[in-house]
Amino acid sequence: MPSVRLLSYNIRSLRDDPAAVARVVRALAPDVVCLQEVPRFGSWRLQRRRLARACGMDIAAGRRACGLAVLAAPHVRRVAREFHLLTPDPGLHRRALAIAVLETGGARFLAASTHLDLRDGPRLRHVHEILAHLERARDRHRAPAVLAGDINEEPGGPSWTLLTDHLQDAYATAPSGEEPTFTSRNPHRRIDGAFADPEIVITAAGVPVDDPAVTADYPKATDHRPVLAALELPTA
């Protein structure tokens, strides 16, 4: 089974230290990165291109709206991409789902990134919408899915529980490293995660803490810590 290292990372619009973000990504050596809070204003196109280049990766999916992107390493081929706006709520930030359809080692899979709302009601409604979009994308592309993102809720909450009713919680399935993802300076809550279809084998997942040089960059880079999931993909 082909293996993939998938990273989920909220980069707070690169308002902290973009060079530290790139150092973290390169040190963790993912094949795919699902980003949240990517720059959306000013020179946002240039900032995204610079970040992808600094990470040694290509932009596989994402749009300006909602600050989502999926990056892929050069050896991972993009087959298609999708972007879905979720239903709006007056006065709240618009939420979305970015999907990259990728192939590596003869296996095809969906890498999806999202950033859910701070409010319970919209967050739960959007999880229902995301699950429906993923189901349609699976059927279209005949590939299993991995969803990663900032859930803005801890395990046991209604939105997290709905996700794990349909998908594997990567950390709960194969814990590795540390659990808390927020904040990077005082990590005490797990609000970021990776979730995979049952056909995908999760071999390890969590916040990597093996390298002190990398963990020293976490609070410099952004207010979230990264989640790295090692996955084995089914082949056709």
Foldseek 3Di string as FASTA:
>chain_A
DDKFKEKEEEQQQQPFPLLLVLVLLQVVDGQKYKYANHHQDDPSVVSVVVSQVSNQWAWQKDDSARGITMTGHPQKDFDDKDKAWDDDDPPFRTWIKIWTFIDHPQATEIEIETAADLDDPRLQVVLVVVVVVQVVVCVVVVHWYKYWYQSNDAPPDPSNVVLVVFWPFLCVQAEDADAFWFFLVDGDGRRTTMTTGPQKDWHYKHFDDPDVVSSVSRVRRHGTTMMMIMIDGDHD
